[in-house]
Full PDB file with SEQRES, HELIX, SHEET, SSBOND, CRYST1, ORIGX, SCALE, CONECT and MASTER records, all heavy atoms in Angstrom:
SEQRES   1 A   42  ILE ILE GLY SER SER GLY PHE PRO ALA SER ALA GLU ALA          
SEQRES   2 A   42  VAL ILE ALA CYS ALA ALA MET GLY VAL ASP ILE LYS ALA          
SEQRES   3 A   42  HIS ARG ASN LYS ALA LEU SER ASN GLU LEU ILE LYS GLU          
SEQRES   4 A   42  SER ASP ILE                                                  
HELIX    1 AA1 ALA A   11  ALA A   18  1                                   8    
HELIX    2 AA2 ASN A   34  LYS A   38  1                                   5    
CRYST1    1.000    1.000    1.000  90.00  90.00  90.00 P 1           1          
ORIGX1      1.000000  0.000000  0.000000        0.00000                         
ORIGX2      0.000000  1.000000  0.000000        0.00000                         
ORIGX3      0.000000  0.000000  1.000000        0.00000                         
SCALE1      1.000000  0.000000  0.000000        0.00000                         
SCALE2      0.000000  1.000000  0.000000        0.00000                         
SCALE3      0.000000  0.000000  1.000000        0.00000                         
ATOM      1  N   ILE A   1       0.802  -1.223   0.000  1.00  0.00           N  
ATOM      2  CA  ILE A   1       0.000   0.000   0.000  1.00  0.00           C  
ATOM      3  C   ILE A   1       0.841   1.282   0.000  1.00  0.00           C  
ATOM      4  O   ILE A   1       0.307   2.363  -0.224  1.00  0.00           O  
ATOM      5  CB  ILE A   1      -0.974   0.039   1.199  1.00  0.00           C  
ATOM      6  CG1 ILE A   1      -0.215   0.121   2.534  1.00  0.00           C  
ATOM      7  CG2 ILE A   1      -1.905  -1.157   1.178  1.00  0.00           C  
ATOM      8  CD1 ILE A   1      -1.117   0.367   3.740  1.00  0.00           C  
ATOM      9  N   ILE A   2       2.172   1.198   0.224  1.00  0.00           N  
ATOM     10  CA  ILE A   2       2.955   2.442   0.333  1.00  0.00           C  
ATOM     11  C   ILE A   2       3.410   2.991  -1.010  1.00  0.00           C  
ATOM     12  O   ILE A   2       3.910   4.107  -1.085  1.00  0.00           O  
ATOM     13  CB  ILE A   2       4.178   2.267   1.260  1.00  0.00           C  
ATOM     14  CG1 ILE A   2       5.169   1.241   0.688  1.00  0.00           C  
ATOM     15  CG2 ILE A   2       3.756   1.917   2.659  1.00  0.00           C  
ATOM     16  CD1 ILE A   2       6.484   1.207   1.464  1.00  0.00           C  
ATOM     17  N   GLY A   3       3.257   2.219  -2.083  1.00  0.00           N  
ATOM     18  CA  GLY A   3       3.492   2.766  -3.410  1.00  0.00           C  
ATOM     19  C   GLY A   3       4.864   2.569  -4.008  1.00  0.00           C  
ATOM     20  O   GLY A   3       5.118   3.005  -5.121  1.00  0.00           O  
ATOM     21  N   SER A   4       5.784   1.921  -3.313  1.00  0.00           N  
ATOM     22  CA  SER A   4       7.115   1.693  -3.893  1.00  0.00           C  
ATOM     23  C   SER A   4       7.073   0.490  -4.820  1.00  0.00           C  
ATOM     24  O   SER A   4       6.173  -0.348  -4.747  1.00  0.00           O  
ATOM     25  CB  SER A   4       8.143   1.464  -2.792  1.00  0.00           C  
ATOM     26  OG  SER A   4       7.878   0.258  -2.092  1.00  0.00           O  
ATOM     27  N   SER A   5       8.065   0.383  -5.694  1.00  0.00           N  
ATOM     28  CA  SER A   5       8.097  -0.752  -6.622  1.00  0.00           C  
ATOM     29  C   SER A   5       9.521  -1.042  -7.057  1.00  0.00           C  
ATOM     30  O   SER A   5      10.394  -0.178  -7.017  1.00  0.00           O  
ATOM     31  CB  SER A   5       7.228  -0.464  -7.850  1.00  0.00           C  
ATOM     32  OG  SER A   5       7.719   0.667  -8.548  1.00  0.00           O  
ATOM     33  N   GLY A   6       9.749  -2.305  -7.463  1.00  0.00           N  
ATOM     34  CA  GLY A   6      11.040  -2.708  -8.009  1.00  0.00           C  
ATOM     35  C   GLY A   6      12.022  -3.280  -7.019  1.00  0.00           C  
ATOM     36  O   GLY A   6      13.108  -3.724  -7.401  1.00  0.00           O  
ATOM     37  N   PHE A   7      11.665  -3.305  -5.724  1.00  0.00           N  
ATOM     38  CA  PHE A   7      12.590  -3.821  -4.714  1.00  0.00           C  
ATOM     39  C   PHE A   7      12.362  -5.317  -4.477  1.00  0.00           C  
ATOM     40  O   PHE A   7      11.235  -5.797  -4.525  1.00  0.00           O  
ATOM     41  CB  PHE A   7      12.422  -3.065  -3.393  1.00  0.00           C  
ATOM     42  CG  PHE A   7      12.827  -1.617  -3.475  1.00  0.00           C  
ATOM     43  CD1 PHE A   7      11.882  -0.633  -3.704  1.00  0.00           C  
ATOM     44  CD2 PHE A   7      14.164  -1.253  -3.359  1.00  0.00           C  
ATOM     45  CE1 PHE A   7      12.245   0.698  -3.790  1.00  0.00           C  
ATOM     46  CE2 PHE A   7      14.547   0.076  -3.437  1.00  0.00           C  
ATOM     47  CZ  PHE A   7      13.586   1.056  -3.667  1.00  0.00           C  
ATOM     48  N   PRO A   8      13.420  -6.076  -4.190  1.00  0.00           N  
ATOM     49  CA  PRO A   8      13.270  -7.512  -3.941  1.00  0.00           C  
ATOM     50  C   PRO A   8      12.671  -7.781  -2.564  1.00  0.00           C  
ATOM     51  O   PRO A   8      12.576  -6.883  -1.711  1.00  0.00           O  
ATOM     52  CB  PRO A   8      14.703  -8.027  -4.017  1.00  0.00           C  
ATOM     53  CG  PRO A   8      15.535  -6.854  -3.571  1.00  0.00           C  
ATOM     54  CD  PRO A   8      14.832  -5.640  -4.117  1.00  0.00           C  
ATOM     55  N   ALA A   9      12.272  -9.019  -2.352  1.00  0.00           N  
ATOM     56  CA  ALA A   9      11.816  -9.434  -1.026  1.00  0.00           C  
ATOM     57  C   ALA A   9      12.995  -9.344  -0.066  1.00  0.00           C  
ATOM     58  O   ALA A   9      14.157  -9.510  -0.461  1.00  0.00           O  
ATOM     59  CB  ALA A   9      11.283 -10.855  -1.075  1.00  0.00           C  
ATOM     60  N   SER A  10      12.715  -9.073   1.181  1.00  0.00           N  
ATOM     61  CA  SER A  10      13.795  -8.965   2.162  1.00  0.00           C  
ATOM     62  C   SER A  10      14.536 -10.291   2.275  1.00  0.00           C  
ATOM     63  O   SER A  10      13.954 -11.364   2.058  1.00  0.00           O  
ATOM     64  CB  SER A  10      13.222  -8.585   3.529  1.00  0.00           C  
ATOM     65  OG  SER A  10      12.458  -9.639   4.065  1.00  0.00           O  
ATOM     66  N   ALA A  11      15.812 -10.216   2.619  1.00  0.00           N  
ATOM     67  CA  ALA A  11      16.636 -11.429   2.727  1.00  0.00           C  
ATOM     68  C   ALA A  11      16.038 -12.399   3.733  1.00  0.00           C  
ATOM     69  O   ALA A  11      16.049 -13.620   3.527  1.00  0.00           O  
ATOM     70  CB  ALA A  11      18.060 -11.051   3.129  1.00  0.00           C  
ATOM     71  N   GLU A  12      15.516 -11.858   4.840  1.00  0.00           N  
ATOM     72  CA  GLU A  12      14.936 -12.720   5.882  1.00  0.00           C  
ATOM     73  C   GLU A  12      13.686 -13.454   5.367  1.00  0.00           C  
ATOM     74  O   GLU A  12      13.462 -14.614   5.685  1.00  0.00           O  
ATOM     75  CB  GLU A  12      14.576 -11.886   7.113  1.00  0.00           C  
ATOM     76  CG  GLU A  12      15.776 -11.277   7.833  1.00  0.00           C  
ATOM     77  CD  GLU A  12      16.176  -9.929   7.242  1.00  0.00           C  
ATOM     78  OE1 GLU A  12      15.632  -9.538   6.178  1.00  0.00           O  
ATOM     79  OE2 GLU A  12      17.048  -9.265   7.847  1.00  0.00           O  
ATOM     80  N   ALA A  13      12.871 -12.746   4.548  1.00  0.00           N  
ATOM     81  CA  ALA A  13      11.677 -13.375   3.982  1.00  0.00           C  
ATOM     82  C   ALA A  13      12.056 -14.485   3.009  1.00  0.00           C  
ATOM     83  O   ALA A  13      11.430 -15.553   2.972  1.00  0.00           O  
ATOM     84  CB  ALA A  13      10.816 -12.333   3.281  1.00  0.00           C  
ATOM     85  N   VAL A  14      13.096 -14.238   2.231  1.00  0.00           N  
ATOM     86  CA  VAL A  14      13.584 -15.249   1.280  1.00  0.00           C  
ATOM     87  C   VAL A  14      14.037 -16.494   2.036  1.00  0.00           C  
ATOM     88  O   VAL A  14      13.716 -17.627   1.647  1.00  0.00           O  
ATOM     89  CB  VAL A  14      14.727 -14.682   0.421  1.00  0.00           C  
ATOM     90  CG1 VAL A  14      15.362 -15.796  -0.414  1.00  0.00           C  
ATOM     91  CG2 VAL A  14      14.213 -13.570  -0.487  1.00  0.00           C  
ATOM     92  N   ILE A  15      14.776 -16.296   3.127  1.00  0.00           N  
ATOM     93  CA  ILE A  15      15.286 -17.429   3.922  1.00  0.00           C  
ATOM     94  C   ILE A  15      14.138 -18.194   4.575  1.00  0.00           C  
ATOM     95  O   ILE A  15      14.109 -19.430   4.557  1.00  0.00           O  
ATOM     96  CB  ILE A  15      16.273 -16.918   4.991  1.00  0.00           C  
ATOM     97  CG1 ILE A  15      17.550 -16.404   4.336  1.00  0.00           C  
ATOM     98  CG2 ILE A  15      16.607 -18.022   5.998  1.00  0.00           C  
ATOM     99  CD1 ILE A  15      18.472 -15.655   5.286  1.00  0.00           C  
ATOM    100  N   ALA A  16      13.173 -17.467   5.135  1.00  0.00           N  
ATOM    101  CA  ALA A  16      12.035 -18.113   5.796  1.00  0.00           C  
ATOM    102  C   ALA A  16      11.240 -18.963   4.818  1.00  0.00           C  
ATOM    103  O   ALA A  16      10.807 -20.075   5.149  1.00  0.00           O  
ATOM    104  CB  ALA A  16      11.138 -17.060   6.440  1.00  0.00           C  
ATOM    105  N   CYS A  17      11.054 -18.464   3.606  1.00  0.00           N  
ATOM    106  CA  CYS A  17      10.303 -19.210   2.595  1.00  0.00           C  
ATOM    107  C   CYS A  17      11.108 -20.407   2.073  1.00  0.00           C  
ATOM    108  O   CYS A  17      10.558 -21.480   1.837  1.00  0.00           O  
ATOM    109  CB  CYS A  17       9.920 -18.295   1.433  1.00  0.00           C  
ATOM    110  SG  CYS A  17       8.500 -17.246   1.791  1.00  0.00           S  
ATOM    111  N   ALA A  18      12.408 -20.200   1.897  1.00  0.00           N  
ATOM    112  CA  ALA A  18      13.251 -21.290   1.400  1.00  0.00           C  
ATOM    113  C   ALA A  18      13.195 -22.488   2.325  1.00  0.00           C  
ATOM    114  O   ALA A  18      13.237 -23.645   1.870  1.00  0.00           O  
ATOM    115  CB  ALA A  18      14.686 -20.800   1.243  1.00  0.00           C  
ATOM    116  N   ALA A  19      13.089 -22.235   3.631  1.00  0.00           N  
ATOM    117  CA  ALA A  19      12.991 -23.330   4.601  1.00  0.00           C  
ATOM    118  C   ALA A  19      11.717 -24.142   4.400  1.00  0.00           C  
ATOM    119  O   ALA A  19      11.624 -25.288   4.853  1.00  0.00           O  
ATOM    120  CB  ALA A  19      13.036 -22.768   6.022  1.00  0.00           C  
ATOM    121  N   MET A  20      10.730 -23.570   3.717  1.00  0.00           N  
ATOM    122  CA  MET A  20       9.464 -24.259   3.437  1.00  0.00           C  
ATOM    123  C   MET A  20       9.421 -24.810   2.009  1.00  0.00           C  
ATOM    124  O   MET A  20       8.396 -25.308   1.566  1.00  0.00           O  
ATOM    125  CB  MET A  20       8.289 -23.285   3.625  1.00  0.00           C  
ATOM    126  CG  MET A  20       8.119 -22.769   5.021  1.00  0.00           C  
ATOM    127  SD  MET A  20       6.750 -21.571   5.073  1.00  0.00           S  
ATOM    128  CE  MET A  20       6.655 -21.303   6.847  1.00  0.00           C  
ATOM    129  N   GLY A  21      10.531 -24.670   1.299  1.00  0.00           N  
ATOM    130  CA  GLY A  21      10.556 -25.138  -0.084  1.00  0.00           C  
ATOM    131  C   GLY A  21       9.917 -24.165  -1.050  1.00  0.00           C  
ATOM    132  O   GLY A  21       9.466 -24.554  -2.129  1.00  0.00           O  
ATOM    133  N   VAL A  22       9.880 -22.884  -0.673  1.00  0.00           N  
ATOM    134  CA  VAL A  22       9.263 -21.849  -1.507  1.00  0.00           C  
ATOM    135  C   VAL A  22      10.330 -20.836  -1.924  1.00  0.00           C  
ATOM    136  O   VAL A  22      11.034 -20.286  -1.072  1.00  0.00           O  
ATOM    137  CB  VAL A  22       8.129 -21.132  -0.747  1.00  0.00           C  
ATOM    138  CG1 VAL A  22       7.575 -19.967  -1.570  1.00  0.00           C  
ATOM    139  CG2 VAL A  22       7.014 -22.108  -0.397  1.00  0.00           C  
ATOM    140  N   ASP A  23      10.447 -20.589  -3.203  1.00  0.00           N  
ATOM    141  CA  ASP A  23      11.473 -19.684  -3.729  1.00  0.00           C  
ATOM    142  C   ASP A  23      10.852 -18.352  -4.121  1.00  0.00           C  
ATOM    143  O   ASP A  23      10.043 -18.280  -5.061  1.00  0.00           O  
ATOM    144  CB  ASP A  23      12.136 -20.327  -4.950  1.00  0.00           C  
ATOM    145  CG  ASP A  23      13.291 -19.502  -5.511  1.00  0.00           C  
ATOM    146  OD1 ASP A  23      13.555 -18.403  -4.971  1.00  0.00           O  
ATOM    147  OD2 ASP A  23      13.922 -19.944  -6.490  1.00  0.00           O  
ATOM    148  N   ILE A  24      11.199 -17.266  -3.395  1.00  0.00           N  
ATOM    149  CA  ILE A  24      10.681 -15.941  -3.747  1.00  0.00           C  
ATOM    150  C   ILE A  24      11.814 -14.976  -4.104  1.00  0.00           C  
ATOM    151  O   ILE A  24      11.633 -13.759  -4.062  1.00  0.00           O  
ATOM    152  CB  ILE A  24       9.804 -15.360  -2.613  1.00  0.00           C  
ATOM    153  CG1 ILE A  24      10.621 -15.176  -1.315  1.00  0.00           C  
ATOM    154  CG2 ILE A  24       8.581 -16.218  -2.358  1.00  0.00           C  
ATOM    155  CD1 ILE A  24       9.882 -14.384  -0.246  1.00  0.00           C  
ATOM    156  N   LYS A  25      12.956 -15.514  -4.482  1.00  0.00           N  
ATOM    157  CA  LYS A  25      14.119 -14.669  -4.805  1.00  0.00           C  
ATOM    158  C   LYS A  25      13.847 -13.736  -5.985  1.00  0.00           C  
ATOM    159  O   LYS A  25      14.401 -12.653  -6.062  1.00  0.00           O  
ATOM    160  CB  LYS A  25      15.336 -15.540  -5.104  1.00  0.00           C  
ATOM    161  CG  LYS A  25      15.920 -16.260  -3.898  1.00  0.00           C  
ATOM    162  CD  LYS A  25      17.298 -16.817  -4.165  1.00  0.00           C  
ATOM    163  CE  LYS A  25      17.309 -17.869  -5.258  1.00  0.00           C  
ATOM    164  NZ  LYS A  25      16.607 -19.119  -4.849  1.00  0.00           N  
ATOM    165  N   ALA A  26      13.018 -14.176  -6.910  1.00  0.00           N  
ATOM    166  CA  ALA A  26      12.759 -13.364  -8.109  1.00  0.00           C  
ATOM    167  C   ALA A  26      11.719 -12.274  -7.871  1.00  0.00           C  
ATOM    168  O   ALA A  26      11.473 -11.440  -8.753  1.00  0.00           O  
ATOM    169  CB  ALA A  26      12.300 -14.265  -9.255  1.00  0.00           C  
ATOM    170  N   HIS A  27      11.125 -12.243  -6.692  1.00  0.00           N  
ATOM    171  CA  HIS A  27      10.066 -11.265  -6.415  1.00  0.00           C  
ATOM    172  C   HIS A  27      10.576  -9.828  -6.481  1.00  0.00           C  
ATOM    173  O   HIS A  27      11.680  -9.522  -6.009  1.00  0.00           O  
ATOM    174  CB  HIS A  27       9.474 -11.518  -5.024  1.00  0.00           C  
ATOM    175  CG  HIS A  27       8.499 -10.466  -4.601  1.00  0.00           C  
ATOM    176  ND1 HIS A  27       7.198 -10.434  -5.028  1.00  0.00           N  
ATOM    177  CD2 HIS A  27       8.652  -9.377  -3.781  1.00  0.00           C  
ATOM    178  CE1 HIS A  27       6.578  -9.392  -4.496  1.00  0.00           C  
ATOM    179  NE2 HIS A  27       7.439  -8.728  -3.736  1.00  0.00           N  
ATOM    180  N   ARG A  28       9.766  -8.951  -7.059  1.00  0.00           N  
ATOM    181  CA  ARG A  28      10.015  -7.513  -7.035  1.00  0.00           C  
ATOM    182  C   ARG A  28       8.713  -6.837  -6.615  1.00  0.00           C  
ATOM    183  O   ARG A  28       7.644  -7.144  -7.154  1.00  0.00           O  
ATOM    184  CB  ARG A  28      10.464  -6.997  -8.402  1.00  0.00           C  
ATOM    185  CG  ARG A  28      11.824  -7.528  -8.846  1.00  0.00           C  
ATOM    186  CD  ARG A  28      12.948  -7.074  -7.913  1.00  0.00           C  
ATOM    187  NE  ARG A  28      14.264  -7.565  -8.308  1.00  0.00           N  
ATOM    188  CZ  ARG A  28      14.791  -8.717  -7.891  1.00  0.00           C  
ATOM    189  NH1 ARG A  28      14.086  -9.506  -7.079  1.00  0.00           N  
ATOM    190  NH2 ARG A  28      15.993  -9.090  -8.285  1.00  0.00           N  
ATOM    191  N   ASN A  29       8.807  -5.938  -5.669  1.00  0.00           N  
ATOM    192  CA  ASN A  29       7.573  -5.385  -5.108  1.00  0.00           C  
ATOM    193  C   ASN A  29       6.863  -4.450  -6.076  1.00  0.00           C  
ATOM    194  O   ASN A  29       7.452  -3.905  -7.008  1.00  0.00           O  
ATOM    195  CB  ASN A  29       7.850  -4.685  -3.772  1.00  0.00           C  
ATOM    196  CG  ASN A  29       8.488  -3.310  -3.930  1.00  0.00           C  
ATOM    197  OD1 ASN A  29       9.201  -3.049  -4.896  1.00  0.00           O  
ATOM    198  ND2 ASN A  29       8.243  -2.439  -2.966  1.00  0.00           N  
ATOM    199  N   LYS A  30       5.570  -4.295  -5.864  1.00  0.00           N  
ATOM    200  CA  LYS A  30       4.763  -3.404  -6.694  1.00  0.00           C  
ATOM    201  C   LYS A  30       3.742  -2.702  -5.828  1.00  0.00           C  
ATOM    202  O   LYS A  30       3.391  -3.162  -4.733  1.00  0.00           O  
ATOM    203  CB  LYS A  30       4.073  -4.182  -7.825  1.00  0.00           C  
ATOM    204  CG  LYS A  30       3.067  -5.207  -7.378  1.00  0.00           C  
ATOM    205  CD  LYS A  30       2.398  -5.901  -8.568  1.00  0.00           C  
ATOM    206  CE  LYS A  30       3.319  -6.850  -9.287  1.00  0.00           C  
ATOM    207  NZ  LYS A  30       3.661  -8.036  -8.460  1.00  0.00           N  
ATOM    208  N   ALA A  31       3.249  -1.584  -6.317  1.00  0.00           N  
ATOM    209  CA  ALA A  31       2.278  -0.782  -5.567  1.00  0.00           C  
ATOM    210  C   ALA A  31       0.862  -1.288  -5.819  1.00  0.00           C  
ATOM    211  O   ALA A  31       0.514  -1.688  -6.937  1.00  0.00           O  
ATOM    212  CB  ALA A  31       2.386   0.686  -5.986  1.00  0.00           C  
ATOM    213  N   LEU A  32       0.060  -1.273  -4.770  1.00  0.00           N  
ATOM    214  CA  LEU A  32      -1.357  -1.620  -4.896  1.00  0.00           C  
ATOM    215  C   LEU A  32      -2.041  -0.603  -5.807  1.00  0.00           C  
ATOM    216  O   LEU A  32      -1.794   0.604  -5.709  1.00  0.00           O  
ATOM    217  CB  LEU A  32      -2.021  -1.594  -3.522  1.00  0.00           C  
ATOM    218  CG  LEU A  32      -3.503  -1.971  -3.469  1.00  0.00           C  
ATOM    219  CD1 LEU A  32      -3.701  -3.427  -3.839  1.00  0.00           C  
ATOM    220  CD2 LEU A  32      -4.075  -1.679  -2.078  1.00  0.00           C  
ATOM    221  N   SER A  33      -2.869  -1.096  -6.703  1.00  0.00           N  
ATOM    222  CA  SER A  33      -3.575  -0.209  -7.624  1.00  0.00           C  
ATOM    223  C   SER A  33      -5.016  -0.660  -7.790  1.00  0.00           C  
ATOM    224  O   SER A  33      -5.371  -1.809  -7.502  1.00  0.00           O  
ATOM    225  CB  SER A  33      -2.898  -0.206  -9.002  1.00  0.00           C  
ATOM    226  OG  SER A  33      -3.016  -1.484  -9.610  1.00  0.00           O  
ATOM    227  N   ASN A  34      -5.832   0.254  -8.271  1.00  0.00           N  
ATOM    228  CA  ASN A  34      -7.227  -0.064  -8.560  1.00  0.00           C  
ATOM    229  C   ASN A  34      -7.320  -1.190  -9.581  1.00  0.00           C  
ATOM    230  O   ASN A  34      -8.160  -2.089  -9.465  1.00  0.00           O  
ATOM    231  CB  ASN A  34      -7.926   1.197  -9.073  1.00  0.00           C  
ATOM    232  CG  ASN A  34      -9.391   0.986  -9.370  1.00  0.00           C  
ATOM    233  OD1 ASN A  34      -9.747   0.640 -10.487  1.00  0.00           O  
ATOM    234  ND2 ASN A  34     -10.231   1.203  -8.385  1.00  0.00           N  
ATOM    235  N   GLU A  35      -6.425  -1.160 -10.567  1.00  0.00           N  
ATOM    236  CA  GLU A  35      -6.435  -2.188 -11.618  1.00  0.00           C  
ATOM    237  C   GLU A  35      -6.142  -3.573 -11.037  1.00  0.00           C  
ATOM    238  O   GLU A  35      -6.807  -4.558 -11.385  1.00  0.00           O  
ATOM    239  CB  GLU A  35      -5.403  -1.839 -12.687  1.00  0.00           C  
ATOM    240  CG  GLU A  35      -5.368  -2.821 -13.856  1.00  0.00           C  
ATOM    241  CD  GLU A  35      -4.324  -2.455 -14.900  1.00  0.00           C  
ATOM    242  OE1 GLU A  35      -3.669  -1.408 -14.748  1.00  0.00           O  
ATOM    243  OE2 GLU A  35      -4.173  -3.224 -15.854  1.00  0.00           O  
ATOM    244  N   LEU A  36      -5.143  -3.665 -10.165  1.00  0.00           N  
ATOM    245  CA  LEU A  36      -4.807  -4.948  -9.541  1.00  0.00           C  
ATOM    246  C   LEU A  36      -5.984  -5.500  -8.745  1.00  0.00           C  
ATOM    247  O   LEU A  36      -6.260  -6.700  -8.766  1.00  0.00           O  
ATOM    248  CB  LEU A  36      -3.608  -4.783  -8.611  1.00  0.00           C  
ATOM    249  CG  LEU A  36      -2.205  -4.998  -9.186  1.00  0.00           C  
ATOM    250  CD1 LEU A  36      -1.162  -4.674  -8.127  1.00  0.00           C  
ATOM    251  CD2 LEU A  36      -2.043  -6.423  -9.702  1.00  0.00           C  
ATOM    252  N   ILE A  37      -6.662  -4.623  -8.038  1.00  0.00           N  
ATOM    253  CA  ILE A  37      -7.809  -5.061  -7.233  1.00  0.00           C  
ATOM    254  C   ILE A  37      -8.940  -5.543  -8.132  1.00  0.00           C  
ATOM    255  O   ILE A  37      -9.547  -6.589  -7.890  1.00  0.00           O  
ATOM    256  CB  ILE A  37      -8.300  -3.924  -6.321  1.00  0.00           C  
ATOM    257  CG1 ILE A  37      -7.192  -3.492  -5.360  1.00  0.00           C  
ATOM    258  CG2 ILE A  37      -9.528  -4.361  -5.525  1.00  0.00           C  
ATOM    259  CD1 ILE A  37      -7.486  -2.202  -4.624  1.00  0.00           C  
ATOM    260  N   LYS A  38      -9.225  -4.789  -9.181  1.00  0.00           N  
ATOM    261  CA  LYS A  38     -10.333  -5.134 -10.070  1.00  0.00           C  
ATOM    262  C   LYS A  38     -10.144  -6.483 -10.744  1.00  0.00           C  
ATOM    263  O   LYS A  38     -11.112  -7.210 -10.990  1.00  0.00           O  
ATOM    264  CB  LYS A  38     -10.517  -4.049 -11.134  1.00  0.00           C  
ATOM    265  CG  LYS A  38     -11.270  -2.827 -10.632  1.00  0.00           C  
ATOM    266  CD  LYS A  38     -11.588  -1.879 -11.776  1.00  0.00           C  
ATOM    267  CE  LYS A  38     -12.504  -0.759 -11.314  1.00  0.00           C  
ATOM    268  NZ  LYS A  38     -12.877   0.157 -12.412  1.00  0.00           N  
ATOM    269  N   GLU A  39      -8.892  -6.830 -11.075  1.00  0.00           N  
ATOM    270  CA  GLU A  39      -8.661  -8.097 -11.772  1.00  0.00           C  
ATOM    271  C   GLU A  39      -8.526  -9.282 -10.804  1.00  0.00           C  
ATOM    272  O   GLU A  39      -8.294 -10.402 -11.235  1.00  0.00           O  
ATOM    273  CB  GLU A  39      -7.422  -8.002 -12.657  1.00  0.00           C  
ATOM    274  CG  GLU A  39      -6.109  -7.860 -11.920  1.00  0.00           C  
ATOM    275  CD  GLU A  39      -4.913  -7.677 -12.828  1.00  0.00           C  
ATOM    276  OE1 GLU A  39      -5.079  -7.181 -13.954  1.00  0.00           O  
ATOM    277  OE2 GLU A  39      -3.797  -8.041 -12.404  1.00  0.00           O  
ATOM    278  N   SER A  40      -8.695  -9.015  -9.501  1.00  0.00           N  
ATOM    279  CA  SER A  40      -8.569 -10.070  -8.488  1.00  0.00           C  
ATOM    280  C   SER A  40      -9.940 -10.501  -7.982  1.00  0.00           C  
ATOM    281  O   SER A  40     -10.775  -9.664  -7.646  1.00  0.00           O  
ATOM    282  CB  SER A  40      -7.721  -9.579  -7.309  1.00  0.00           C  
ATOM    283  OG  SER A  40      -6.432  -9.210  -7.748  1.00  0.00           O  
ATOM    284  N   ASP A  41     -10.145 -11.804  -7.942  1.00  0.00           N  
ATOM    285  CA  ASP A  41     -11.417 -12.346  -7.457  1.00  0.00           C  
ATOM    286  C   ASP A  41     -11.439 -12.487  -5.945  1.00  0.00           C  
ATOM    287  O   ASP A  41     -12.495 -12.447  -5.325  1.00  0.00           O  
ATOM    288  CB  ASP A  41     -11.673 -13.709  -8.112  1.00  0.00           C  
ATOM    289  CG  ASP A  41     -11.728 -13.592  -9.620  1.00  0.00           C  
ATOM    290  OD1 ASP A  41     -12.755 -13.122 -10.128  1.00  0.00           O  
ATOM    291  OD2 ASP A  41     -10.730 -13.932 -10.285  1.00  0.00           O  
ATOM    292  N   ILE A  42     -10.259 -12.668  -5.350  1.00  0.00           N  
ATOM    293  CA  ILE A  42     -10.123 -12.731  -3.904  1.00  0.00           C  
ATOM    294  C   ILE A  42      -8.905 -11.909  -3.521  1.00  0.00           C  
ATOM    295  O   ILE A  42      -7.847 -12.029  -4.136  1.00  0.00           O  
ATOM    296  CB  ILE A  42      -9.937 -14.174  -3.390  1.00  0.00           C  
ATOM    297  CG1 ILE A  42     -11.054 -15.089  -3.899  1.00  0.00           C  
ATOM    298  CG2 ILE A  42      -9.910 -14.199  -1.863  1.00  0.00           C  
ATOM    299  CD1 ILE A  42     -10.839 -16.553  -3.570  1.00  0.00           C  
TER     300      ILE A  42                                                      
MASTER        0    0    0    2    0    0    0    6  299    1    0    4          
END                                                                             
């Protein structure tokens, strides 16, 4: 909701997910928008 974009997931979040077998290294943050909400069913 703060509007920044292009930054990776925090190192700690990447490590926490990796321990669960989930890879989020490629993630880049994006800002919440009306368009994103409209195209989402949940």
